[in-house]
Amino acid sequence: MDRRSHQGEVSQLFDDITSVALNTAIAGLSERQRVTTDNIANLETPGFQARAVKFEGNLADAINGQHPEQTRVENLETGDLPGQNGNNVNLETELITATETGLQQKLITGTVTSRFGWMASVLKG
């Protein structure tokens, strides 16, 4: 087997539906973490409207259609009622979201790491 053929096979290992879905989930969670951090940073900013990131349902639909790369990561206003200063950031909700997101990232990162270990074992023979 020549080197180009081997590289093509390795590339296919990383382009399978599971790998693409995991990468898409990591991207969605990274966006959620960024938005959550922004919400917390603006806790006292008058008029600031909190945002939330939704992608899990879209990812599930995209996986069912065999195209996880087409997942929409939506960055939407939460629609929560604002306080007296017009700000609607709920610190408790944001801290829960940050914790959940961190745990999800850890789980998915562990899965990716395990897949790489498995692939390395297969490639080594």
PDB file of N, CA and C in Angstrom:
ATOM      1  N   MET A   1       0.846  -1.165   0.000  1.00  0.00           N
ATOM      2  CA  MET A   1       0.000   0.000   0.000  1.00  0.00           C
ATOM      3  C   MET A   1       0.901   1.239   0.000  1.00  0.00           C
ATOM      4  N   ASP A   2       0.626   2.186  -0.924  1.00  0.00           N
ATOM      5  CA  ASP A   2       1.453   3.388  -0.960  1.00  0.00           C
ATOM      6  C   ASP A   2       0.976   4.395   0.095  1.00  0.00           C
ATOM      7  N   ARG A   3       1.783   5.422   0.293  1.00  0.00           N
ATOM      8  CA  ARG A   3       1.524   6.392   1.375  1.00  0.00           C
ATOM      9  C   ARG A   3       0.210   7.141   1.167  1.00  0.00           C
ATOM     10  N   ARG A   4      -0.109   7.527  -0.078  1.00  0.00           N
ATOM     11  CA  ARG A   4      -1.349   8.263  -0.338  1.00  0.00           C
ATOM     12  C   ARG A   4      -2.575   7.417   0.002  1.00  0.00           C
ATOM     13  N   SER A   5      -2.527   6.148  -0.314  1.00  0.00           N
ATOM     14  CA  SER A   5      -3.634   5.247  -0.012  1.00  0.00           C
ATOM     15  C   SER A   5      -3.821   5.146   1.499  1.00  0.00           C
ATOM     16  N   HIS A   6      -2.722   5.027   2.222  1.00  0.00           N
ATOM     17  CA  HIS A   6      -2.766   4.940   3.679  1.00  0.00           C
ATOM     18  C   HIS A   6      -3.330   6.242   4.277  1.00  0.00           C
ATOM     19  N   GLN A   7      -2.912   7.399   3.748  1.00  0.00           N
ATOM     20  CA  GLN A   7      -3.413   8.677   4.242  1.00  0.00           C
ATOM     21  C   GLN A   7      -4.914   8.797   3.999  1.00  0.00           C
ATOM     22  N   GLY A   8      -5.384   8.310   2.859  1.00  0.00           N
ATOM     23  CA  GLY A   8      -6.811   8.342   2.568  1.00  0.00           C
ATOM     24  C   GLY A   8      -7.606   7.508   3.555  1.00  0.00           C
ATOM     25  N   GLU A   9      -7.071   6.347   3.923  1.00  0.00           N
ATOM     26  CA  GLU A   9      -7.744   5.498   4.899  1.00  0.00           C
ATOM     27  C   GLU A   9      -7.778   6.155   6.268  1.00  0.00           C
ATOM     28  N   VAL A  10      -6.688   6.797   6.651  1.00  0.00           N
ATOM     29  CA  VAL A  10      -6.641   7.486   7.940  1.00  0.00           C
ATOM     30  C   VAL A  10      -7.633   8.647   7.933  1.00  0.00           C
ATOM     31  N   SER A  11      -7.683   9.394   6.828  1.00  0.00           N
ATOM     32  CA  SER A  11      -8.623  10.505   6.716  1.00  0.00           C
ATOM     33  C   SER A  11     -10.060  10.019   6.869  1.00  0.00           C
ATOM     34  N   GLN A  12     -10.370   8.867   6.276  1.00  0.00           N
ATOM     35  CA  GLN A  12     -11.721   8.319   6.383  1.00  0.00           C
ATOM     36  C   GLN A  12     -12.056   7.959   7.825  1.00  0.00           C
ATOM     37  N   LEU A  13     -11.082   7.558   8.611  1.00  0.00           N
ATOM     38  CA  LEU A  13     -11.313   7.245  10.017  1.00  0.00           C
ATOM     39  C   LEU A  13     -11.831   8.463  10.775  1.00  0.00           C
ATOM     40  N   PHE A  14     -11.376   9.655  10.381  1.00  0.00           N
ATOM     41  CA  PHE A  14     -11.764  10.873  11.066  1.00  0.00           C
ATOM     42  C   PHE A  14     -12.978  11.552  10.438  1.00  0.00           C
ATOM     43  N   ASP A  15     -13.450  11.048   9.315  1.00  0.00           N
ATOM     44  CA  ASP A  15     -14.602  11.627   8.630  1.00  0.00           C
ATOM     45  C   ASP A  15     -15.857  10.784   8.785  1.00  0.00           C
ATOM     46  N   ASP A  16     -15.797   9.739   9.614  1.00  0.00           N
ATOM     47  CA  ASP A  16     -16.982   8.911   9.794  1.00  0.00           C
ATOM     48  C   ASP A  16     -18.029   9.691  10.580  1.00  0.00           C
ATOM     49  N   ILE A  17     -19.246   9.222  10.563  1.00  0.00           N
ATOM     50  CA  ILE A  17     -20.365   9.947  11.172  1.00  0.00           C
ATOM     51  C   ILE A  17     -20.153  10.186  12.673  1.00  0.00           C
ATOM     52  N   THR A  18     -19.551   9.227  13.355  1.00  0.00           N
ATOM     53  CA  THR A  18     -19.323   9.385  14.799  1.00  0.00           C
ATOM     54  C   THR A  18     -18.313  10.490  15.068  1.00  0.00           C
ATOM     55  N   SER A  19     -17.214  10.496  14.335  1.00  0.00           N
ATOM     56  CA  SER A  19     -16.188  11.536  14.531  1.00  0.00           C
ATOM     57  C   SER A  19     -16.734  12.917  14.218  1.00  0.00           C
ATOM     58  N   VAL A  20     -17.479  13.022  13.131  1.00  0.00           N
ATOM     59  CA  VAL A  20     -18.057  14.317  12.759  1.00  0.00           C
ATOM     60  C   VAL A  20     -19.071  14.762  13.814  1.00  0.00           C
ATOM     61  N   ALA A  21     -19.881  13.832  14.309  1.00  0.00           N
ATOM     62  CA  ALA A  21     -20.864  14.168  15.344  1.00  0.00           C
ATOM     63  C   ALA A  21     -20.169  14.637  16.629  1.00  0.00           C
ATOM     64  N   LEU A  22     -19.103  13.942  17.017  1.00  0.00           N
ATOM     65  CA  LEU A  22     -18.364  14.343  18.219  1.00  0.00           C
ATOM     66  C   LEU A  22     -17.740  15.727  18.045  1.00  0.00           C
ATOM     67  N   ASN A  23     -17.148  15.983  16.889  1.00  0.00           N
ATOM     68  CA  ASN A  23     -16.550  17.299  16.632  1.00  0.00           C
ATOM     69  C   ASN A  23     -17.613  18.393  16.625  1.00  0.00           C
ATOM     70  N   THR A  24     -18.771  18.079  16.070  1.00  0.00           N
ATOM     71  CA  THR A  24     -19.866  19.045  16.033  1.00  0.00           C
ATOM     72  C   THR A  24     -20.364  19.340  17.448  1.00  0.00           C
ATOM     73  N   ALA A  25     -20.465  18.301  18.271  1.00  0.00           N
ATOM     74  CA  ALA A  25     -20.890  18.493  19.663  1.00  0.00           C
ATOM     75  C   ALA A  25     -19.881  19.347  20.423  1.00  0.00           C
ATOM     76  N   ILE A  26     -18.599  19.101  20.205  1.00  0.00           N
ATOM     77  CA  ILE A  26     -17.561  19.901  20.853  1.00  0.00           C
ATOM     78  C   ILE A  26     -17.688  21.371  20.443  1.00  0.00           C
ATOM     79  N   ALA A  27     -17.944  21.614  19.173  1.00  0.00           N
ATOM     80  CA  ALA A  27     -18.103  22.999  18.697  1.00  0.00           C
ATOM     81  C   ALA A  27     -19.328  23.654  19.342  1.00  0.00           C
ATOM     82  N   GLY A  28     -20.427  22.922  19.431  1.00  0.00           N
ATOM     83  CA  GLY A  28     -21.635  23.459  20.059  1.00  0.00           C
ATOM     84  C   GLY A  28     -21.426  23.761  21.533  1.00  0.00           C
ATOM     85  N   LEU A  29     -20.760  22.851  22.224  1.00  0.00           N
ATOM     86  CA  LEU A  29     -20.486  23.067  23.640  1.00  0.00           C
ATOM     87  C   LEU A  29     -19.515  24.221  23.858  1.00  0.00           C
ATOM     88  N   SER A  30     -18.556  24.374  22.969  1.00  0.00           N
ATOM     89  CA  SER A  30     -17.619  25.505  23.071  1.00  0.00           C
ATOM     90  C   SER A  30     -18.355  26.828  22.906  1.00  0.00           C
ATOM     91  N   GLU A  31     -19.294  26.862  21.962  1.00  0.00           N
ATOM     92  CA  GLU A  31     -20.093  28.079  21.762  1.00  0.00           C
ATOM     93  C   GLU A  31     -20.948  28.343  22.998  1.00  0.00           C
ATOM     94  N   ARG A  32     -21.540  27.293  23.578  1.00  0.00           N
ATOM     95  CA  ARG A  32     -22.358  27.464  24.781  1.00  0.00           C
ATOM     96  C   ARG A  32     -21.503  27.994  25.929  1.00  0.00           C
ATOM     97  N   GLN A  33     -20.291  27.470  26.064  1.00  0.00           N
ATOM     98  CA  GLN A  33     -19.401  27.931  27.126  1.00  0.00           C
ATOM     99  C   GLN A  33     -19.058  29.411  26.927  1.00  0.00           C
ATOM    100  N   ARG A  34     -18.796  29.799  25.683  1.00  0.00           N
ATOM    101  CA  ARG A  34     -18.469  31.201  25.391  1.00  0.00           C
ATOM    102  C   ARG A  34     -19.650  32.116  25.733  1.00  0.00           C
ATOM    103  N   VAL A  35     -20.857  31.713  25.335  1.00  0.00           N
ATOM    104  CA  VAL A  35     -22.057  32.519  25.580  1.00  0.00           C
ATOM    105  C   VAL A  35     -22.354  32.596  27.080  1.00  0.00           C
ATOM    106  N   THR A  36     -22.210  31.489  27.786  1.00  0.00           N
ATOM    107  CA  THR A  36     -22.450  31.476  29.226  1.00  0.00           C
ATOM    108  C   THR A  36     -21.476  32.413  29.937  1.00  0.00           C
ATOM    109  N   THR A  37     -20.216  32.365  29.546  1.00  0.00           N
ATOM    110  CA  THR A  37     -19.205  33.252  30.127  1.00  0.00           C
ATOM    111  C   THR A  37     -19.560  34.714  29.860  1.00  0.00           C
ATOM    112  N   ASP A  38     -20.023  34.993  28.647  1.00  0.00           N
ATOM    113  CA  ASP A  38     -20.425  36.352  28.295  1.00  0.00           C
ATOM    114  C   ASP A  38     -21.623  36.797  29.140  1.00  0.00           C
ATOM    115  N   ASN A  39     -22.592  35.901  29.324  1.00  0.00           N
ATOM    116  CA  ASN A  39     -23.755  36.235  30.155  1.00  0.00           C
ATOM    117  C   ASN A  39     -23.319  36.578  31.575  1.00  0.00           C
ATOM    118  N   ILE A  40     -22.462  35.739  32.158  1.00  0.00           N
ATOM    119  CA  ILE A  40     -22.006  35.971  33.530  1.00  0.00           C
ATOM    120  C   ILE A  40     -21.210  37.281  33.620  1.00  0.00           C
ATOM    121  N   ALA A  41     -20.394  37.543  32.628  1.00  0.00           N
ATOM    122  CA  ALA A  41     -19.597  38.771  32.627  1.00  0.00           C
ATOM    123  C   ALA A  41     -20.479  40.020  32.574  1.00  0.00           C
ATOM    124  N   ASN A  42     -21.675  39.874  32.023  1.00  0.00           N
ATOM    125  CA  ASN A  42     -22.582  41.015  31.893  1.00  0.00           C
ATOM    126  C   ASN A  42     -23.710  40.996  32.929  1.00  0.00           C
ATOM    127  N   LEU A  43     -23.498  40.306  34.022  1.00  0.00           N
ATOM    128  CA  LEU A  43     -24.504  40.152  35.071  1.00  0.00           C
ATOM    129  C   LEU A  43     -25.076  41.491  35.539  1.00  0.00           C
ATOM    130  N   GLU A  44     -24.237  42.502  35.629  1.00  0.00           N
ATOM    131  CA  GLU A  44     -24.664  43.811  36.137  1.00  0.00           C
ATOM    132  C   GLU A  44     -24.812  44.866  35.043  1.00  0.00           C
ATOM    133  N   THR A  45     -24.701  44.477  33.777  1.00  0.00           N
ATOM    134  CA  THR A  45     -24.801  45.442  32.675  1.00  0.00           C
ATOM    135  C   THR A  45     -26.265  45.784  32.422  1.00  0.00           C
ATOM    136  N   PRO A  46     -26.648  47.061  32.613  1.00  0.00           N
ATOM    137  CA  PRO A  46     -28.044  47.446  32.383  1.00  0.00           C
ATOM    138  C   PRO A  46     -28.475  47.136  30.943  1.00  0.00           C
ATOM    139  N   GLY A  47     -29.659  46.528  30.828  1.00  0.00           N
ATOM    140  CA  GLY A  47     -30.235  46.251  29.516  1.00  0.00           C
ATOM    141  C   GLY A  47     -29.679  45.023  28.807  1.00  0.00           C
ATOM    142  N   PHE A  48     -28.680  44.371  29.384  1.00  0.00           N
ATOM    143  CA  PHE A  48     -28.102  43.196  28.719  1.00  0.00           C
ATOM    144  C   PHE A  48     -29.120  42.067  28.661  1.00  0.00           C
ATOM    145  N   GLN A  49     -29.214  41.433  27.498  1.00  0.00           N
ATOM    146  CA  GLN A  49     -30.126  40.312  27.303  1.00  0.00           C
ATOM    147  C   GLN A  49     -29.328  39.017  27.191  1.00  0.00           C
ATOM    148  N   ALA A  50     -29.575  38.108  28.134  1.00  0.00           N
ATOM    149  CA  ALA A  50     -28.865  36.828  28.151  1.00  0.00           C
ATOM    150  C   ALA A  50     -29.204  36.013  26.911  1.00  0.00           C
ATOM    151  N   ARG A  51     -28.250  35.196  26.512  1.00  0.00           N
ATOM    152  CA  ARG A  51     -28.420  34.334  25.348  1.00  0.00           C
ATOM    153  C   ARG A  51     -28.208  32.885  25.779  1.00  0.00           C
ATOM    154  N   ALA A  52     -28.692  31.967  24.958  1.00  0.00           N
ATOM    155  CA  ALA A  52     -28.527  30.533  25.212  1.00  0.00           C
ATOM    156  C   ALA A  52     -28.200  29.856  23.893  1.00  0.00           C
ATOM    157  N   VAL A  53     -27.449  28.774  23.970  1.00  0.00           N
ATOM    158  CA  VAL A  53     -27.057  28.026  22.772  1.00  0.00           C
ATOM    159  C   VAL A  53     -27.811  26.703  22.758  1.00  0.00           C
ATOM    160  N   LYS A  54     -28.455  26.425  21.642  1.00  0.00           N
ATOM    161  CA  LYS A  54     -29.210  25.188  21.447  1.00  0.00           C
ATOM    162  C   LYS A  54     -28.649  24.473  20.223  1.00  0.00           C
ATOM    163  N   PHE A  55     -28.360  23.191  20.367  1.00  0.00           N
ATOM    164  CA  PHE A  55     -27.909  22.437  19.209  1.00  0.00           C
ATOM    165  C   PHE A  55     -28.214  20.947  19.302  1.00  0.00           C
ATOM    166  N   GLU A  56     -28.512  20.445  20.492  1.00  0.00           N
ATOM    167  CA  GLU A  56     -28.656  19.003  20.676  1.00  0.00           C
ATOM    168  C   GLU A  56     -29.740  18.395  19.799  1.00  0.00           C
ATOM    169  N   GLY A  57     -30.903  19.030  19.748  1.00  0.00           N
ATOM    170  CA  GLY A  57     -31.985  18.523  18.900  1.00  0.00           C
ATOM    171  C   GLY A  57     -31.600  18.550  17.429  1.00  0.00           C
ATOM    172  N   ASN A  58     -30.952  19.632  17.015  1.00  0.00           N
ATOM    173  CA  ASN A  58     -30.503  19.742  15.626  1.00  0.00           C
ATOM    174  C   ASN A  58     -29.445  18.692  15.306  1.00  0.00           C
ATOM    175  N   LEU A  59     -28.556  18.421  16.268  1.00  0.00           N
ATOM    176  CA  LEU A  59     -27.528  17.401  16.069  1.00  0.00           C
ATOM    177  C   LEU A  59     -28.167  16.022  15.938  1.00  0.00           C
ATOM    178  N   ALA A  60     -29.132  15.722  16.792  1.00  0.00           N
ATOM    179  CA  ALA A  60     -29.822  14.426  16.712  1.00  0.00           C
ATOM    180  C   ALA A  60     -30.505  14.263  15.356  1.00  0.00           C
ATOM    181  N   ASP A  61     -31.183  15.314  14.883  1.00  0.00           N
ATOM    182  CA  ASP A  61     -31.833  15.251  13.575  1.00  0.00           C
ATOM    183  C   ASP A  61     -30.811  15.060  12.458  1.00  0.00           C
ATOM    184  N   ALA A  62     -29.695  15.771  12.562  1.00  0.00           N
ATOM    185  CA  ALA A  62     -28.655  15.674  11.530  1.00  0.00           C
ATOM    186  C   ALA A  62     -28.020  14.281  11.526  1.00  0.00           C
ATOM    187  N   ILE A  63     -27.814  13.702  12.701  1.00  0.00           N
ATOM    188  CA  ILE A  63     -27.258  12.349  12.775  1.00  0.00           C
ATOM    189  C   ILE A  63     -28.230  11.353  12.167  1.00  0.00           C
ATOM    190  N   ASN A  64     -29.514  11.497  12.479  1.00  0.00           N
ATOM    191  CA  ASN A  64     -30.522  10.599  11.914  1.00  0.00           C
ATOM    192  C   ASN A  64     -30.561  10.692  10.392  1.00  0.00           C
ATOM    193  N   GLY A  65     -30.257  11.866   9.862  1.00  0.00           N
ATOM    194  CA  GLY A  65     -30.187  12.052   8.413  1.00  0.00           C
ATOM    195  C   GLY A  65     -28.813  11.744   7.840  1.00  0.00           C
ATOM    196  N   GLN A  66     -27.898  11.248   8.686  1.00  0.00           N
ATOM    197  CA  GLN A  66     -26.538  10.868   8.284  1.00  0.00           C
ATOM    198  C   GLN A  66     -25.671  12.063   7.882  1.00  0.00           C
ATOM    199  N   HIS A  67     -26.002  13.275   8.354  1.00  0.00           N
ATOM    200  CA  HIS A  67     -25.227  14.468   7.996  1.00  0.00           C
ATOM    201  C   HIS A  67     -24.999  15.373   9.211  1.00  0.00           C
ATOM    202  N   PRO A  68     -24.241  14.894  10.220  1.00  0.00           N
ATOM    203  CA  PRO A  68     -24.041  15.718  11.416  1.00  0.00           C
ATOM    204  C   PRO A  68     -23.312  17.028  11.136  1.00  0.00           C
ATOM    205  N   GLU A  69     -22.587  17.101  10.023  1.00  0.00           N
ATOM    206  CA  GLU A  69     -21.881  18.341   9.683  1.00  0.00           C
ATOM    207  C   GLU A  69     -22.855  19.473   9.357  1.00  0.00           C
ATOM    208  N   GLN A  70     -24.125  19.140   9.156  1.00  0.00           N
ATOM    209  CA  GLN A  70     -25.139  20.151   8.825  1.00  0.00           C
ATOM    210  C   GLN A  70     -25.880  20.668  10.061  1.00  0.00           C
ATOM    211  N   THR A  71     -25.397  20.326  11.240  1.00  0.00           N
ATOM    212  CA  THR A  71     -26.038  20.742  12.484  1.00  0.00           C
ATOM    213  C   THR A  71     -26.013  22.253  12.620  1.00  0.00           C
ATOM    214  N   ARG A  72     -27.157  22.811  12.969  1.00  0.00           N
ATOM    215  CA  ARG A  72     -27.253  24.242  13.257  1.00  0.00           C
ATOM    216  C   ARG A  72     -27.016  24.465  14.748  1.00  0.00           C
ATOM    217  N   VAL A  73     -26.073  25.329  15.072  1.00  0.00           N
ATOM    218  CA  VAL A  73     -25.849  25.749  16.450  1.00  0.00           C
ATOM    219  C   VAL A  73     -26.520  27.109  16.575  1.00  0.00           C
ATOM    220  N   GLU A  74     -27.594  27.144  17.364  1.00  0.00           N
ATOM    221  CA  GLU A  74     -28.392  28.364  17.473  1.00  0.00           C
ATOM    222  C   GLU A  74     -28.017  29.142  18.728  1.00  0.00           C
ATOM    223  N   ASN A  75     -27.787  30.433  18.549  1.00  0.00           N
ATOM    224  CA  ASN A  75     -27.446  31.354  19.629  1.00  0.00           C
ATOM    225  C   ASN A  75     -28.634  32.309  19.743  1.00  0.00           C
ATOM    226  N   LEU A  76     -29.484  32.073  20.750  1.00  0.00           N
ATOM    227  CA  LEU A  76     -30.758  32.775  20.865  1.00  0.00           C
ATOM    228  C   LEU A  76     -30.877  33.533  22.176  1.00  0.00           C
ATOM    229  N   GLU A  77     -31.702  34.578  22.188  1.00  0.00           N
ATOM    230  CA  GLU A  77     -32.017  35.236  23.453  1.00  0.00           C
ATOM    231  C   GLU A  77     -32.832  34.269  24.297  1.00  0.00           C
ATOM    232  N   THR A  78     -32.621  34.308  25.621  1.00  0.00           N
ATOM    233  CA  THR A  78     -33.326  33.375  26.495  1.00  0.00           C
ATOM    234  C   THR A  78     -34.811  33.700  26.619  1.00  0.00           C
ATOM    235  N   GLY A  79     -35.143  34.960  26.502  1.00  0.00           N
ATOM    236  CA  GLY A  79     -36.540  35.362  26.661  1.00  0.00           C
ATOM    237  C   GLY A  79     -36.966  35.486  28.115  1.00  0.00           C
ATOM    238  N   ASP A  80     -36.015  35.324  29.046  1.00  0.00           N
ATOM    239  CA  ASP A  80     -36.333  35.481  30.466  1.00  0.00           C
ATOM    240  C   ASP A  80     -36.721  36.929  30.745  1.00  0.00           C
ATOM    241  N   LEU A  81     -37.558  37.116  31.748  1.00  0.00           N
ATOM    242  CA  LEU A  81     -38.002  38.461  32.091  1.00  0.00           C
ATOM    243  C   LEU A  81     -36.852  39.258  32.701  1.00  0.00           C
ATOM    244  N   PRO A  82     -36.725  40.534  32.295  1.00  0.00           N
ATOM    245  CA  PRO A  82     -35.646  41.367  32.835  1.00  0.00           C
ATOM    246  C   PRO A  82     -35.976  41.893  34.232  1.00  0.00           C
ATOM    247  N   GLY A  83     -34.917  42.230  34.954  1.00  0.00           N
ATOM    248  CA  GLY A  83     -35.064  42.851  36.271  1.00  0.00           C
ATOM    249  C   GLY A  83     -35.256  44.352  36.125  1.00  0.00           C
ATOM    250  N   GLN A  84     -35.097  45.095  37.205  1.00  0.00           N
ATOM    251  CA  GLN A  84     -35.322  46.539  37.200  1.00  0.00           C
ATOM    252  C   GLN A  84     -34.392  47.286  36.256  1.00  0.00           C
ATOM    253  N   ASN A  85     -33.170  46.780  36.069  1.00  0.00           N
ATOM    254  CA  ASN A  85     -32.228  47.479  35.191  1.00  0.00           C
ATOM    255  C   ASN A  85     -32.300  46.982  33.744  1.00  0.00           C
ATOM    256  N   GLY A  86     -33.294  46.146  33.450  1.00  0.00           N
ATOM    257  CA  GLY A  86     -33.473  45.648  32.081  1.00  0.00           C
ATOM    258  C   GLY A  86     -32.616  44.445  31.756  1.00  0.00           C
ATOM    259  N   ASN A  87     -31.809  44.002  32.686  1.00  0.00           N
ATOM    260  CA  ASN A  87     -30.921  42.856  32.501  1.00  0.00           C
ATOM    261  C   ASN A  87     -31.666  41.586  32.911  1.00  0.00           C
ATOM    262  N   ASN A  88     -31.528  40.526  32.123  1.00  0.00           N
ATOM    263  CA  ASN A  88     -32.248  39.297  32.460  1.00  0.00           C
ATOM    264  C   ASN A  88     -31.325  38.108  32.746  1.00  0.00           C
ATOM    265  N   VAL A  89     -30.062  38.360  33.081  1.00  0.00           N
ATOM    266  CA  VAL A  89     -29.133  37.275  33.394  1.00  0.00           C
ATOM    267  C   VAL A  89     -29.488  36.693  34.764  1.00  0.00           C
ATOM    268  N   ASN A  90     -29.651  35.379  34.824  1.00  0.00           N
ATOM    269  CA  ASN A  90     -29.920  34.678  36.070  1.00  0.00           C
ATOM    270  C   ASN A  90     -28.648  33.920  36.425  1.00  0.00           C
ATOM    271  N   LEU A  91     -27.941  34.396  37.446  1.00  0.00           N
ATOM    272  CA  LEU A  91     -26.641  33.824  37.793  1.00  0.00           C
ATOM    273  C   LEU A  91     -26.749  32.338  38.114  1.00  0.00           C
ATOM    274  N   GLU A  92     -27.770  31.925  38.837  1.00  0.00           N
ATOM    275  CA  GLU A  92     -27.925  30.510  39.187  1.00  0.00           C
ATOM    276  C   GLU A  92     -28.058  29.649  37.928  1.00  0.00           C
ATOM    277  N   THR A  93     -28.873  30.088  36.995  1.00  0.00           N
ATOM    278  CA  THR A  93     -29.052  29.356  35.738  1.00  0.00           C
ATOM    279  C   THR A  93     -27.743  29.280  34.964  1.00  0.00           C
ATOM    280  N   GLU A  94     -27.014  30.371  34.935  1.00  0.00           N
ATOM    281  CA  GLU A  94     -25.752  30.407  34.191  1.00  0.00           C
ATOM    282  C   GLU A  94     -24.702  29.494  34.826  1.00  0.00           C
ATOM    283  N   LEU A  95     -24.652  29.462  36.147  1.00  0.00           N
ATOM    284  CA  LEU A  95     -23.688  28.587  36.824  1.00  0.00           C
ATOM    285  C   LEU A  95     -24.029  27.111  36.594  1.00  0.00           C
ATOM    286  N   ILE A  96     -25.309  26.787  36.595  1.00  0.00           N
ATOM    287  CA  ILE A  96     -25.729  25.406  36.299  1.00  0.00           C
ATOM    288  C   ILE A  96     -25.361  25.053  34.870  1.00  0.00           C
ATOM    289  N   THR A  97     -25.637  25.959  33.941  1.00  0.00           N
ATOM    290  CA  THR A  97     -25.300  25.726  32.540  1.00  0.00           C
ATOM    291  C   THR A  97     -23.799  25.545  32.372  1.00  0.00           C
ATOM    292  N   ALA A  98     -23.007  26.375  33.042  1.00  0.00           N
ATOM    293  CA  ALA A  98     -21.543  26.266  32.948  1.00  0.00           C
ATOM    294  C   ALA A  98     -21.068  24.915  33.474  1.00  0.00           C
ATOM    295  N   THR A  99     -21.642  24.459  34.581  1.00  0.00           N
ATOM    296  CA  THR A  99     -21.252  23.171  35.157  1.00  0.00           C
ATOM    297  C   THR A  99     -21.641  22.021  34.236  1.00  0.00           C
ATOM    298  N   GLU A 100     -22.874  22.035  33.754  1.00  0.00           N
ATOM    299  CA  GLU A 100     -23.331  20.980  32.837  1.00  0.00           C
ATOM    300  C   GLU A 100     -22.481  20.944  31.574  1.00  0.00           C
ATOM    301  N   THR A 101     -22.203  22.107  31.032  1.00  0.00           N
ATOM    302  CA  THR A 101     -21.405  22.183  29.804  1.00  0.00           C
ATOM    303  C   THR A 101     -20.004  21.634  30.032  1.00  0.00           C
ATOM    304  N   GLY A 102     -19.402  21.978  31.164  1.00  0.00           N
ATOM    305  CA  GLY A 102     -18.074  21.457  31.480  1.00  0.00           C
ATOM    306  C   GLY A 102     -18.067  19.938  31.589  1.00  0.00           C
ATOM    307  N   LEU A 103     -19.093  19.383  32.222  1.00  0.00           N
ATOM    308  CA  LEU A 103     -19.188  17.926  32.347  1.00  0.00           C
ATOM    309  C   LEU A 103     -19.397  17.264  30.986  1.00  0.00           C
ATOM    310  N   GLN A 104     -20.240  17.868  30.154  1.00  0.00           N
ATOM    311  CA  GLN A 104     -20.463  17.334  28.806  1.00  0.00           C
ATOM    312  C   GLN A 104     -19.185  17.385  27.982  1.00  0.00           C
ATOM    313  N   GLN A 105     -18.452  18.491  28.085  1.00  0.00           N
ATOM    314  CA  GLN A 105     -17.187  18.604  27.355  1.00  0.00           C
ATOM    315  C   GLN A 105     -16.203  17.538  27.809  1.00  0.00           C
ATOM    316  N   LYS A 106     -16.145  17.299  29.107  1.00  0.00           N
ATOM    317  CA  LYS A 106     -15.239  16.283  29.644  1.00  0.00           C
ATOM    318  C   LYS A 106     -15.616  14.902  29.121  1.00  0.00           C
ATOM    319  N   LEU A 107     -16.894  14.595  29.086  1.00  0.00           N
ATOM    320  CA  LEU A 107     -17.368  13.305  28.587  1.00  0.00           C
ATOM    321  C   LEU A 107     -17.031  13.120  27.110  1.00  0.00           C
ATOM    322  N   ILE A 108     -17.300  14.126  26.317  1.00  0.00           N
ATOM    323  CA  ILE A 108     -17.041  14.013  24.878  1.00  0.00           C
ATOM    324  C   ILE A 108     -15.550  13.980  24.594  1.00  0.00           C
ATOM    325  N   THR A 109     -14.781  14.784  25.304  1.00  0.00           N
ATOM    326  CA  THR A 109     -13.330  14.768  25.125  1.00  0.00           C
ATOM    327  C   THR A 109     -12.761  13.400  25.476  1.00  0.00           C
ATOM    328  N   GLY A 110     -13.277  12.793  26.539  1.00  0.00           N
ATOM    329  CA  GLY A 110     -12.853  11.443  26.906  1.00  0.00           C
ATOM    330  C   GLY A 110     -13.198  10.430  25.827  1.00  0.00           C
ATOM    331  N   THR A 111     -14.364  10.590  25.228  1.00  0.00           N
ATOM    332  CA  THR A 111     -14.778   9.705  24.138  1.00  0.00           C
ATOM    333  C   THR A 111     -13.850   9.850  22.943  1.00  0.00           C
ATOM    334  N   VAL A 112     -13.535  11.088  22.588  1.00  0.00           N
ATOM    335  CA  VAL A 112     -12.625  11.336  21.461  1.00  0.00           C
ATOM    336  C   VAL A 112     -11.250  10.743  21.757  1.00  0.00           C
ATOM    337  N   THR A 113     -10.763  10.955  22.966  1.00  0.00           N
ATOM    338  CA  THR A 113      -9.461  10.408  23.359  1.00  0.00           C
ATOM    339  C   THR A 113      -9.456   8.884  23.255  1.00  0.00           C
ATOM    340  N   SER A 114     -10.524   8.254  23.711  1.00  0.00           N
ATOM    341  CA  SER A 114     -10.630   6.791  23.615  1.00  0.00           C
ATOM    342  C   SER A 114     -10.638   6.328  22.168  1.00  0.00           C
ATOM    343  N   ARG A 115     -11.351   7.058  21.324  1.00  0.00           N
ATOM    344  CA  ARG A 115     -11.393   6.700  19.892  1.00  0.00           C
ATOM    345  C   ARG A 115     -10.000   6.806  19.274  1.00  0.00           C
ATOM    346  N   PHE A 116      -9.262   7.865  19.619  1.00  0.00           N
ATOM    347  CA  PHE A 116      -7.909   8.009  19.080  1.00  0.00           C
ATOM    348  C   PHE A 116      -7.020   6.873  19.560  1.00  0.00           C
ATOM    349  N   GLY A 117      -7.162   6.495  20.824  1.00  0.00           N
ATOM    350  CA  GLY A 117      -6.387   5.377  21.348  1.00  0.00           C
ATOM    351  C   GLY A 117      -6.712   4.086  20.625  1.00  0.00           C
ATOM    352  N   TRP A 118      -7.986   3.864  20.389  1.00  0.00           N
ATOM    353  CA  TRP A 118      -8.429   2.673  19.663  1.00  0.00           C
ATOM    354  C   TRP A 118      -7.879   2.684  18.238  1.00  0.00           C
ATOM    355  N   MET A 119      -7.984   3.848  17.573  1.00  0.00           N
ATOM    356  CA  MET A 119      -7.494   3.947  16.194  1.00  0.00           C
ATOM    357  C   MET A 119      -5.975   3.733  16.139  1.00  0.00           C
ATOM    358  N   ALA A 120      -5.249   4.280  17.112  1.00  0.00           N
ATOM    359  CA  ALA A 120      -3.801   4.106  17.146  1.00  0.00           C
ATOM    360  C   ALA A 120      -3.462   2.629  17.301  1.00  0.00           C
ATOM    361  N   SER A 121      -4.200   1.924  18.142  1.00  0.00           N
ATOM    362  CA  SER A 121      -3.972   0.488  18.325  1.00  0.00           C
ATOM    363  C   SER A 121      -4.229  -0.281  17.043  1.00  0.00           C
ATOM    364  N   VAL A 122      -5.281   0.081  16.336  1.00  0.00           N
ATOM    365  CA  VAL A 122      -5.619  -0.597  15.078  1.00  0.00           C
ATOM    366  C   VAL A 122      -4.557  -0.326  14.034  1.00  0.00           C
ATOM    367  N   LEU A 123      -4.106   0.931  13.950  1.00  0.00           N
ATOM    368  CA  LEU A 123      -3.112   1.285  12.938  1.00  0.00           C
ATOM    369  C   LEU A 123      -1.752   0.630  13.202  1.00  0.00           C
ATOM    370  N   LYS A 124      -1.428   0.459  14.484  1.00  0.00           N
ATOM    371  CA  LYS A 124      -0.153  -0.179  14.826  1.00  0.00           C
ATOM    372  C   LYS A 124      -0.195  -1.692  14.555  1.00  0.00           C
ATOM    373  N   GLY A 125      -1.407  -2.219  14.557  1.00  0.00           N
ATOM    374  CA  GLY A 125      -1.559  -3.647  14.249  1.00  0.00           C
ATOM    375  C   GLY A 125      -1.469  -4.416  15.439  1.00  0.00           C
TER     376      GLY A 125
END
